[in-house]
N, C-alpha and C. Protein backbone atom coordinates (compact mmCIF):
# COMPACT_ATOMS: atom_id res chain seq x y z
N MET A 1 16.43 109.21 -81.83
CA MET A 1 16.68 107.89 -82.38
C MET A 1 17.41 107.04 -81.35
N LYS A 2 16.99 105.81 -81.27
CA LYS A 2 17.60 104.87 -80.35
C LYS A 2 18.18 103.73 -81.17
N GLN A 3 19.32 103.21 -80.70
CA GLN A 3 19.95 102.09 -81.38
C GLN A 3 20.11 100.96 -80.39
N ASP A 4 19.62 99.76 -80.75
CA ASP A 4 19.72 98.59 -79.90
C ASP A 4 20.30 97.42 -80.69
N LYS A 5 20.89 96.52 -79.92
CA LYS A 5 21.44 95.31 -80.50
C LYS A 5 20.63 94.13 -79.98
N PHE A 6 20.26 93.22 -80.87
CA PHE A 6 19.45 92.06 -80.51
C PHE A 6 20.18 90.78 -80.86
N ASP A 7 20.01 89.77 -80.03
CA ASP A 7 20.50 88.43 -80.36
C ASP A 7 19.38 87.68 -81.06
N ILE A 8 19.69 87.07 -82.17
CA ILE A 8 18.69 86.34 -82.97
C ILE A 8 19.03 84.87 -82.93
N GLN A 9 18.02 84.03 -82.71
CA GLN A 9 18.22 82.57 -82.69
C GLN A 9 17.44 81.93 -83.83
N GLY A 10 18.02 80.89 -84.40
CA GLY A 10 17.32 80.11 -85.40
C GLY A 10 17.63 80.40 -86.84
N MET A 11 18.52 81.34 -87.12
CA MET A 11 18.88 81.65 -88.50
C MET A 11 19.89 80.61 -89.01
N THR A 12 19.64 80.09 -90.20
CA THR A 12 20.55 79.09 -90.74
C THR A 12 21.14 79.46 -92.10
N CYS A 13 20.55 80.42 -92.76
CA CYS A 13 21.03 80.78 -94.10
C CYS A 13 20.75 82.25 -94.38
N SER A 14 21.22 82.70 -95.53
CA SER A 14 21.04 84.12 -95.87
C SER A 14 19.58 84.46 -96.13
N SER A 15 18.79 83.46 -96.50
CA SER A 15 17.36 83.69 -96.67
C SER A 15 16.71 84.02 -95.32
N CYS A 16 17.15 83.31 -94.28
CA CYS A 16 16.66 83.59 -92.92
C CYS A 16 17.03 85.02 -92.52
N GLN A 17 18.26 85.38 -92.81
CA GLN A 17 18.74 86.74 -92.50
C GLN A 17 17.88 87.78 -93.20
N ALA A 18 17.62 87.57 -94.47
CA ALA A 18 16.82 88.52 -95.24
C ALA A 18 15.39 88.58 -94.71
N HIS A 19 14.86 87.44 -94.30
CA HIS A 19 13.49 87.41 -93.79
C HIS A 19 13.36 88.19 -92.48
N VAL A 20 14.35 88.03 -91.58
CA VAL A 20 14.33 88.79 -90.32
C VAL A 20 14.44 90.29 -90.61
N GLU A 21 15.35 90.62 -91.50
CA GLU A 21 15.55 92.03 -91.85
C GLU A 21 14.28 92.64 -92.44
N LYS A 22 13.63 91.90 -93.32
CA LYS A 22 12.39 92.38 -93.95
C LYS A 22 11.27 92.54 -92.94
N ALA A 23 11.17 91.60 -91.99
CA ALA A 23 10.10 91.66 -90.99
C ALA A 23 10.26 92.89 -90.09
N VAL A 24 11.50 93.23 -89.74
CA VAL A 24 11.73 94.37 -88.86
C VAL A 24 11.61 95.68 -89.63
N LYS A 25 12.03 95.71 -90.89
CA LYS A 25 11.92 96.93 -91.70
C LYS A 25 10.48 97.34 -91.93
N LYS A 26 9.54 96.39 -91.88
CA LYS A 26 8.13 96.68 -92.09
C LYS A 26 7.56 97.54 -90.97
N LEU A 27 8.17 97.49 -89.79
CA LEU A 27 7.64 98.22 -88.65
C LEU A 27 7.81 99.73 -88.87
N GLU A 28 6.78 100.45 -88.54
CA GLU A 28 6.83 101.90 -88.68
C GLU A 28 7.72 102.47 -87.58
N GLY A 29 8.65 103.34 -87.96
CA GLY A 29 9.56 103.95 -87.00
C GLY A 29 10.94 103.35 -87.05
N VAL A 30 11.12 102.26 -87.76
CA VAL A 30 12.43 101.63 -87.89
C VAL A 30 13.15 102.28 -89.08
N ASN A 31 14.36 102.78 -88.81
CA ASN A 31 15.12 103.45 -89.86
C ASN A 31 16.16 102.52 -90.49
N ILE A 32 16.99 101.90 -89.66
CA ILE A 32 18.09 101.08 -90.17
C ILE A 32 18.04 99.72 -89.48
N VAL A 33 18.18 98.66 -90.27
CA VAL A 33 18.25 97.30 -89.74
C VAL A 33 19.43 96.60 -90.38
N ASN A 34 20.33 96.08 -89.57
CA ASN A 34 21.47 95.30 -90.04
C ASN A 34 21.47 93.97 -89.33
N VAL A 35 21.29 92.89 -90.06
CA VAL A 35 21.28 91.55 -89.48
C VAL A 35 22.55 90.84 -89.92
N ASN A 36 23.27 90.27 -88.96
CA ASN A 36 24.50 89.54 -89.23
C ASN A 36 24.26 88.07 -88.96
N LEU A 37 24.33 87.26 -90.00
CA LEU A 37 24.08 85.83 -89.87
C LEU A 37 25.18 85.13 -89.08
N LEU A 38 26.41 85.53 -89.28
CA LEU A 38 27.53 84.84 -88.62
C LEU A 38 27.54 85.02 -87.11
N THR A 39 27.18 86.22 -86.65
CA THR A 39 27.18 86.47 -85.20
C THR A 39 25.79 86.35 -84.60
N ASN A 40 24.78 86.11 -85.45
CA ASN A 40 23.38 86.01 -85.00
C ASN A 40 22.95 87.26 -84.22
N ASN A 41 23.35 88.41 -84.73
CA ASN A 41 23.01 89.69 -84.13
C ASN A 41 22.24 90.56 -85.12
N MET A 42 21.50 91.51 -84.54
CA MET A 42 20.78 92.48 -85.35
C MET A 42 20.92 93.84 -84.68
N ASN A 43 21.36 94.83 -85.44
CA ASN A 43 21.43 96.20 -84.97
C ASN A 43 20.27 96.97 -85.60
N VAL A 44 19.52 97.65 -84.75
CA VAL A 44 18.34 98.37 -85.21
C VAL A 44 18.39 99.81 -84.71
N GLU A 45 18.20 100.74 -85.65
CA GLU A 45 18.07 102.14 -85.27
C GLU A 45 16.59 102.49 -85.51
N TYR A 46 15.94 102.96 -84.44
CA TYR A 46 14.50 103.21 -84.52
C TYR A 46 14.09 104.40 -83.68
N ASP A 47 12.90 104.92 -83.99
CA ASP A 47 12.32 106.01 -83.25
C ASP A 47 11.50 105.39 -82.12
N GLU A 48 11.95 105.59 -80.87
CA GLU A 48 11.31 104.92 -79.74
C GLU A 48 9.91 105.49 -79.42
N THR A 49 9.52 106.60 -80.05
CA THR A 49 8.15 107.09 -79.85
C THR A 49 7.16 106.33 -80.73
N GLN A 50 7.63 105.69 -81.81
CA GLN A 50 6.75 104.97 -82.72
C GLN A 50 6.80 103.46 -82.53
N VAL A 51 7.92 102.94 -82.13
CA VAL A 51 8.07 101.49 -81.99
C VAL A 51 8.95 101.17 -80.77
N SER A 52 8.67 100.06 -80.11
CA SER A 52 9.45 99.67 -78.93
C SER A 52 10.29 98.44 -79.26
N SER A 53 11.22 98.15 -78.38
CA SER A 53 12.05 96.97 -78.58
C SER A 53 11.21 95.70 -78.47
N ASP A 54 10.16 95.74 -77.66
CA ASP A 54 9.26 94.57 -77.55
C ASP A 54 8.55 94.28 -78.86
N ARG A 55 8.14 95.34 -79.58
CA ARG A 55 7.50 95.14 -80.88
C ARG A 55 8.47 94.61 -81.91
N ILE A 56 9.72 95.03 -81.82
CA ILE A 56 10.75 94.52 -82.73
C ILE A 56 10.96 93.04 -82.47
N ILE A 57 11.05 92.68 -81.19
CA ILE A 57 11.23 91.26 -80.83
C ILE A 57 10.02 90.46 -81.31
N LYS A 58 8.82 91.01 -81.12
CA LYS A 58 7.59 90.31 -81.57
C LYS A 58 7.61 90.11 -83.09
N ALA A 59 8.08 91.09 -83.84
CA ALA A 59 8.15 90.96 -85.31
C ALA A 59 9.11 89.82 -85.70
N VAL A 60 10.22 89.72 -85.00
CA VAL A 60 11.17 88.64 -85.28
C VAL A 60 10.58 87.28 -84.93
N VAL A 61 9.92 87.21 -83.78
CA VAL A 61 9.29 85.96 -83.36
C VAL A 61 8.18 85.55 -84.33
N ASP A 62 7.39 86.53 -84.76
CA ASP A 62 6.34 86.24 -85.74
C ASP A 62 6.91 85.76 -87.08
N ALA A 63 8.12 86.17 -87.38
CA ALA A 63 8.79 85.72 -88.60
C ALA A 63 9.31 84.29 -88.45
N GLY A 64 9.29 83.74 -87.23
CA GLY A 64 9.69 82.36 -87.03
C GLY A 64 11.05 82.17 -86.39
N TYR A 65 11.59 83.20 -85.79
CA TYR A 65 12.92 83.12 -85.18
C TYR A 65 12.83 83.62 -83.75
N GLY A 66 13.89 83.40 -83.00
CA GLY A 66 13.94 83.88 -81.62
C GLY A 66 14.72 85.17 -81.55
N ALA A 67 14.37 86.01 -80.59
CA ALA A 67 15.07 87.29 -80.44
C ALA A 67 15.04 87.72 -78.98
N ARG A 68 16.10 88.41 -78.58
CA ARG A 68 16.15 89.02 -77.25
C ARG A 68 17.10 90.19 -77.33
N LEU A 69 16.88 91.13 -76.44
CA LEU A 69 17.71 92.33 -76.38
C LEU A 69 19.07 91.94 -75.83
N ASP A 70 20.12 92.39 -76.48
CA ASP A 70 21.49 92.08 -76.05
C ASP A 70 21.87 93.10 -74.98
N VAL A 71 22.02 92.62 -73.75
CA VAL A 71 22.37 93.47 -72.62
C VAL A 71 23.86 93.39 -72.39
N GLU A 72 24.52 94.52 -72.33
CA GLU A 72 25.99 94.57 -72.16
C GLU A 72 26.45 94.01 -70.81
N ASP A 73 25.65 94.19 -69.77
CA ASP A 73 26.08 93.76 -68.43
C ASP A 73 26.25 92.25 -68.36
N ASN A 74 25.37 91.53 -69.00
CA ASN A 74 25.39 90.07 -68.91
C ASN A 74 26.05 89.42 -70.13
N LYS A 75 26.86 90.18 -70.82
CA LYS A 75 27.43 89.68 -72.07
C LYS A 75 28.29 88.43 -71.87
N ALA A 76 29.13 88.41 -70.83
CA ALA A 76 29.97 87.25 -70.59
C ALA A 76 29.14 86.02 -70.23
N SER A 77 28.17 86.21 -69.37
CA SER A 77 27.34 85.07 -68.99
C SER A 77 26.47 84.60 -70.16
N ASN A 78 26.01 85.54 -71.00
CA ASN A 78 25.26 85.17 -72.18
C ASN A 78 26.09 84.37 -73.15
N ARG A 79 27.35 84.75 -73.34
CA ARG A 79 28.24 84.02 -74.23
C ARG A 79 28.46 82.60 -73.73
N ASN A 80 28.62 82.44 -72.40
CA ASN A 80 28.79 81.11 -71.83
C ASN A 80 27.54 80.26 -72.06
N LYS A 81 26.36 80.86 -71.88
CA LYS A 81 25.10 80.13 -72.10
C LYS A 81 24.97 79.76 -73.58
N GLU A 82 25.34 80.67 -74.48
CA GLU A 82 25.26 80.38 -75.90
C GLU A 82 26.22 79.25 -76.28
N THR A 83 27.41 79.26 -75.68
CA THR A 83 28.37 78.20 -75.95
C THR A 83 27.81 76.86 -75.50
N LEU A 84 27.20 76.83 -74.31
CA LEU A 84 26.60 75.58 -73.82
C LEU A 84 25.44 75.16 -74.73
N ASN A 85 24.60 76.11 -75.15
CA ASN A 85 23.50 75.78 -76.04
C ASN A 85 24.00 75.25 -77.37
N ASN A 86 25.06 75.88 -77.92
CA ASN A 86 25.63 75.43 -79.17
C ASN A 86 26.21 74.03 -79.04
N ASN A 87 26.88 73.76 -77.90
CA ASN A 87 27.43 72.42 -77.68
C ASN A 87 26.33 71.39 -77.59
N ASP A 88 25.24 71.72 -76.90
CA ASP A 88 24.10 70.81 -76.82
C ASP A 88 23.49 70.56 -78.20
N GLU A 89 23.39 71.61 -78.99
CA GLU A 89 22.84 71.47 -80.34
C GLU A 89 23.73 70.61 -81.22
N ILE A 90 25.03 70.78 -81.09
CA ILE A 90 25.97 69.96 -81.87
C ILE A 90 25.86 68.50 -81.46
N LYS A 91 25.77 68.23 -80.16
CA LYS A 91 25.59 66.85 -79.69
C LYS A 91 24.29 66.26 -80.20
N ASN A 92 23.24 67.05 -80.19
CA ASN A 92 21.95 66.60 -80.70
C ASN A 92 22.02 66.29 -82.20
N MET A 93 22.72 67.13 -82.95
CA MET A 93 22.87 66.91 -84.39
C MET A 93 23.66 65.64 -84.67
N LYS A 94 24.72 65.41 -83.89
CA LYS A 94 25.52 64.18 -84.06
C LYS A 94 24.68 62.94 -83.78
N LYS A 95 23.87 63.02 -82.73
CA LYS A 95 22.99 61.89 -82.39
C LYS A 95 21.99 61.62 -83.51
N ARG A 96 21.40 62.68 -84.05
CA ARG A 96 20.43 62.52 -85.14
C ARG A 96 21.13 61.96 -86.39
N LEU A 97 22.35 62.40 -86.66
CA LEU A 97 23.09 61.90 -87.80
C LEU A 97 23.37 60.41 -87.67
N ILE A 98 23.82 59.98 -86.51
CA ILE A 98 24.13 58.57 -86.29
C ILE A 98 22.87 57.72 -86.43
N LEU A 99 21.77 58.15 -85.82
CA LEU A 99 20.51 57.41 -85.93
C LEU A 99 20.02 57.35 -87.38
N SER A 100 20.17 58.46 -88.09
CA SER A 100 19.76 58.48 -89.50
C SER A 100 20.60 57.51 -90.33
N ILE A 101 21.89 57.47 -90.07
CA ILE A 101 22.77 56.57 -90.82
C ILE A 101 22.42 55.11 -90.51
N LEU A 102 22.03 54.83 -89.27
CA LEU A 102 21.66 53.46 -88.92
C LEU A 102 20.45 52.97 -89.73
N PHE A 103 19.54 53.85 -90.06
CA PHE A 103 18.41 53.47 -90.91
C PHE A 103 18.74 53.60 -92.39
N LEU A 104 19.68 54.47 -92.71
CA LEU A 104 20.03 54.70 -94.11
C LEU A 104 20.79 53.51 -94.72
N ILE A 105 21.67 52.89 -93.95
CA ILE A 105 22.48 51.78 -94.48
C ILE A 105 21.61 50.63 -94.98
N PRO A 106 20.67 50.11 -94.16
CA PRO A 106 19.81 49.05 -94.73
C PRO A 106 18.92 49.54 -95.87
N LEU A 107 18.49 50.79 -95.81
CA LEU A 107 17.67 51.35 -96.89
C LEU A 107 18.45 51.38 -98.18
N MET A 108 19.68 51.84 -98.14
CA MET A 108 20.51 51.89 -99.35
C MET A 108 20.82 50.49 -99.88
N TYR A 109 21.12 49.59 -98.95
CA TYR A 109 21.44 48.22 -99.39
C TYR A 109 20.25 47.59 -100.06
N LEU A 110 19.09 47.79 -99.47
CA LEU A 110 17.87 47.23 -100.03
C LEU A 110 17.54 47.86 -101.39
N ALA A 111 17.62 49.16 -101.47
CA ALA A 111 17.27 49.85 -102.72
C ALA A 111 18.27 49.58 -103.82
N MET A 112 19.52 49.35 -103.50
CA MET A 112 20.57 49.20 -104.50
C MET A 112 21.10 47.78 -104.62
N HIS A 113 20.41 46.79 -104.05
CA HIS A 113 20.96 45.44 -104.02
C HIS A 113 21.25 44.89 -105.41
N GLN A 114 20.42 45.16 -106.37
CA GLN A 114 20.65 44.66 -107.72
C GLN A 114 21.86 45.30 -108.35
N MET A 115 22.06 46.60 -108.10
CA MET A 115 23.22 47.29 -108.64
C MET A 115 24.52 46.79 -107.99
N PHE A 116 24.45 46.53 -106.68
CA PHE A 116 25.65 45.99 -106.00
C PHE A 116 26.09 44.69 -106.66
N TYR A 117 25.12 43.86 -107.01
CA TYR A 117 25.44 42.57 -107.61
C TYR A 117 25.90 42.71 -109.06
N ASN A 118 25.14 43.46 -109.85
CA ASN A 118 25.44 43.57 -111.29
C ASN A 118 26.72 44.34 -111.60
N HIS A 119 26.93 45.46 -110.92
CA HIS A 119 28.07 46.34 -111.28
C HIS A 119 29.31 46.11 -110.44
N PHE A 120 29.14 45.72 -109.21
CA PHE A 120 30.30 45.59 -108.32
C PHE A 120 30.62 44.15 -107.93
N GLY A 121 29.75 43.23 -108.25
CA GLY A 121 29.97 41.82 -107.94
C GLY A 121 29.83 41.49 -106.48
N ILE A 122 29.21 42.39 -105.71
CA ILE A 122 28.99 42.13 -104.27
C ILE A 122 27.83 41.17 -104.16
N PRO A 123 28.06 40.03 -103.49
CA PRO A 123 26.97 39.05 -103.40
C PRO A 123 25.80 39.57 -102.56
N VAL A 124 24.62 39.20 -102.99
CA VAL A 124 23.39 39.59 -102.30
C VAL A 124 22.73 38.31 -101.78
N PRO A 125 22.33 38.29 -100.50
CA PRO A 125 21.71 37.09 -99.97
C PRO A 125 20.48 36.68 -100.80
N GLU A 126 20.28 35.37 -100.90
CA GLU A 126 19.20 34.85 -101.75
C GLU A 126 17.82 35.31 -101.28
N PHE A 127 17.64 35.43 -99.97
CA PHE A 127 16.30 35.84 -99.48
C PHE A 127 15.96 37.27 -99.90
N ILE A 128 16.95 38.14 -100.04
CA ILE A 128 16.69 39.50 -100.50
C ILE A 128 16.25 39.47 -101.96
N LYS A 129 16.92 38.65 -102.76
CA LYS A 129 16.52 38.51 -104.17
C LYS A 129 15.11 37.97 -104.27
N ASN A 130 14.78 37.00 -103.45
CA ASN A 130 13.46 36.35 -103.53
C ASN A 130 12.34 37.27 -103.05
N ILE A 131 12.60 38.07 -102.03
CA ILE A 131 11.55 38.91 -101.44
C ILE A 131 11.39 40.24 -102.17
N PHE A 132 12.49 40.84 -102.60
CA PHE A 132 12.44 42.20 -103.08
C PHE A 132 12.70 42.40 -104.56
N HIS A 133 13.07 41.37 -105.29
CA HIS A 133 13.43 41.55 -106.70
C HIS A 133 12.29 41.10 -107.61
N GLY A 134 12.09 41.83 -108.68
CA GLY A 134 11.09 41.47 -109.69
C GLY A 134 9.83 42.30 -109.58
N ARG A 135 9.06 42.27 -110.65
CA ARG A 135 7.82 43.04 -110.71
C ARG A 135 6.77 42.56 -109.72
N GLU A 136 6.73 41.27 -109.50
CA GLU A 136 5.70 40.72 -108.59
C GLU A 136 5.94 41.15 -107.15
N ASN A 137 7.15 41.58 -106.84
CA ASN A 137 7.48 42.00 -105.46
C ASN A 137 7.66 43.52 -105.34
N ALA A 138 7.21 44.26 -106.32
CA ALA A 138 7.42 45.72 -106.33
C ALA A 138 6.73 46.40 -105.15
N LEU A 139 5.53 45.94 -104.79
CA LEU A 139 4.82 46.57 -103.68
C LEU A 139 5.54 46.33 -102.35
N ILE A 140 6.01 45.13 -102.13
CA ILE A 140 6.78 44.82 -100.91
C ILE A 140 8.07 45.63 -100.89
N PHE A 141 8.74 45.70 -102.03
CA PHE A 141 9.99 46.45 -102.16
C PHE A 141 9.76 47.93 -101.81
N SER A 142 8.73 48.53 -102.36
CA SER A 142 8.44 49.95 -102.11
C SER A 142 8.02 50.20 -100.68
N PHE A 143 7.15 49.35 -100.15
CA PHE A 143 6.65 49.55 -98.80
C PHE A 143 7.77 49.39 -97.75
N THR A 144 8.69 48.46 -97.98
CA THR A 144 9.81 48.28 -97.07
C THR A 144 10.70 49.52 -97.07
N GLN A 145 10.94 50.09 -98.23
CA GLN A 145 11.72 51.32 -98.30
C GLN A 145 11.02 52.47 -97.57
N PHE A 146 9.71 52.53 -97.76
CA PHE A 146 8.90 53.54 -97.07
C PHE A 146 9.03 53.39 -95.55
N LEU A 147 8.96 52.15 -95.06
CA LEU A 147 9.08 51.93 -93.62
C LEU A 147 10.46 52.28 -93.07
N LEU A 148 11.48 52.13 -93.90
CA LEU A 148 12.83 52.49 -93.46
C LEU A 148 13.09 54.00 -93.53
N VAL A 149 12.38 54.72 -94.38
CA VAL A 149 12.60 56.17 -94.49
C VAL A 149 11.79 56.94 -93.46
N ILE A 150 10.69 56.38 -92.97
CA ILE A 150 9.86 57.07 -91.97
C ILE A 150 10.68 57.45 -90.72
N PRO A 151 11.47 56.54 -90.12
CA PRO A 151 12.24 56.96 -88.93
C PRO A 151 13.24 58.07 -89.23
N ILE A 152 13.83 58.05 -90.42
CA ILE A 152 14.79 59.11 -90.78
C ILE A 152 14.07 60.45 -90.86
N MET A 153 12.89 60.45 -91.44
CA MET A 153 12.11 61.68 -91.53
C MET A 153 11.66 62.15 -90.15
N TYR A 154 11.30 61.22 -89.28
CA TYR A 154 10.87 61.61 -87.93
C TYR A 154 12.03 62.17 -87.12
N ILE A 155 13.18 61.54 -87.22
CA ILE A 155 14.36 62.01 -86.48
C ILE A 155 14.71 63.43 -86.89
N ASN A 156 14.56 63.75 -88.15
CA ASN A 156 14.92 65.07 -88.69
C ASN A 156 13.69 65.92 -88.98
N ARG A 157 12.65 65.76 -88.22
CA ARG A 157 11.37 66.43 -88.45
C ARG A 157 11.47 67.95 -88.32
N ASN A 158 12.45 68.47 -87.62
CA ASN A 158 12.58 69.93 -87.47
C ASN A 158 12.78 70.62 -88.82
N TYR A 159 13.46 69.96 -89.73
CA TYR A 159 13.63 70.53 -91.07
C TYR A 159 12.27 70.71 -91.74
N TYR A 160 11.40 69.73 -91.58
CA TYR A 160 10.08 69.80 -92.21
C TYR A 160 9.20 70.84 -91.52
N ILE A 161 9.23 70.89 -90.21
CA ILE A 161 8.41 71.84 -89.48
C ILE A 161 8.81 73.27 -89.84
N LYS A 162 10.09 73.57 -89.72
CA LYS A 162 10.57 74.93 -90.03
C LYS A 162 10.42 75.22 -91.53
N GLY A 163 10.71 74.24 -92.35
CA GLY A 163 10.69 74.46 -93.79
C GLY A 163 9.30 74.78 -94.31
N PHE A 164 8.31 74.00 -93.88
CA PHE A 164 6.95 74.25 -94.37
C PHE A 164 6.36 75.52 -93.75
N LYS A 165 6.74 75.83 -92.50
CA LYS A 165 6.27 77.09 -91.91
C LYS A 165 6.75 78.28 -92.73
N SER A 166 8.04 78.28 -93.05
CA SER A 166 8.57 79.42 -93.81
C SER A 166 8.03 79.41 -95.25
N LEU A 167 7.76 78.23 -95.80
CA LEU A 167 7.20 78.16 -97.14
C LEU A 167 5.80 78.74 -97.15
N PHE A 168 4.98 78.43 -96.14
CA PHE A 168 3.63 78.94 -96.09
C PHE A 168 3.59 80.44 -95.82
N LYS A 169 4.66 80.97 -95.22
CA LYS A 169 4.74 82.42 -95.00
C LYS A 169 5.35 83.12 -96.21
N MET A 170 5.52 82.39 -97.29
CA MET A 170 6.05 82.90 -98.57
C MET A 170 7.48 83.43 -98.46
N SER A 171 8.27 82.84 -97.59
CA SER A 171 9.69 83.20 -97.53
C SER A 171 10.50 81.93 -97.31
N PRO A 172 10.64 81.11 -98.34
CA PRO A 172 11.33 79.82 -98.18
C PRO A 172 12.80 80.01 -97.83
N ASN A 173 13.32 79.04 -97.10
CA ASN A 173 14.73 79.04 -96.72
C ASN A 173 15.31 77.67 -97.03
N MET A 174 16.48 77.37 -96.51
CA MET A 174 17.16 76.10 -96.78
C MET A 174 16.35 74.93 -96.22
N ASP A 175 15.68 75.11 -95.09
CA ASP A 175 14.85 74.06 -94.54
C ASP A 175 13.70 73.72 -95.47
N SER A 176 13.16 74.71 -96.14
CA SER A 176 12.09 74.49 -97.14
C SER A 176 12.62 73.65 -98.30
N LEU A 177 13.83 73.93 -98.71
CA LEU A 177 14.44 73.18 -99.80
C LEU A 177 14.60 71.72 -99.41
N ILE A 178 15.04 71.47 -98.19
CA ILE A 178 15.21 70.10 -97.70
C ILE A 178 13.87 69.41 -97.61
N ALA A 179 12.87 70.10 -97.08
CA ALA A 179 11.55 69.51 -96.92
C ALA A 179 10.90 69.17 -98.25
N LEU A 180 11.09 69.99 -99.26
CA LEU A 180 10.49 69.74 -100.56
C LEU A 180 11.27 68.70 -101.37
N ARG A 181 12.54 68.57 -101.09
CA ARG A 181 13.39 67.65 -101.85
C ARG A 181 12.99 66.22 -101.61
N ILE A 182 12.56 65.92 -100.42
CA ILE A 182 12.23 64.52 -100.08
C ILE A 182 10.81 64.24 -100.31
């Protein structure tokens, strides 16, 4: 029996963790699989005559996640690379959040303009009332909201890509929930 440790990329929730664990357990020759979501690691005990580490990695990749063998020699350099990757991902998420908010503010104001006026007494410009209020302007009102939500959906398209992929593989995760909610 051989025991290896793998680094897993792309897990965001416990459903992802369970999906990775299930994909590796299906392989013949795998005895024990422990996936840790917090550290993004997987410990696998397997019979190396029946299954190889490359097949384990392929099973994880086929499940929709990234995997690589954790090598002890390069552990310090790997941690530095992971820190840099995490920092880049955080910067990317902040940028997406700011861009999404820039489109969300006019969308919310447009969608809620009547409520702002009726319940809170916030004045609404006359041209917004003329263009977007009433049954005769319902199509313009709806289409304008649609045009404002498209950039938000495009900016955050990774949720939809990952979500629908995992949904079609019959193992939905949090990204699937986000994709179906909108």
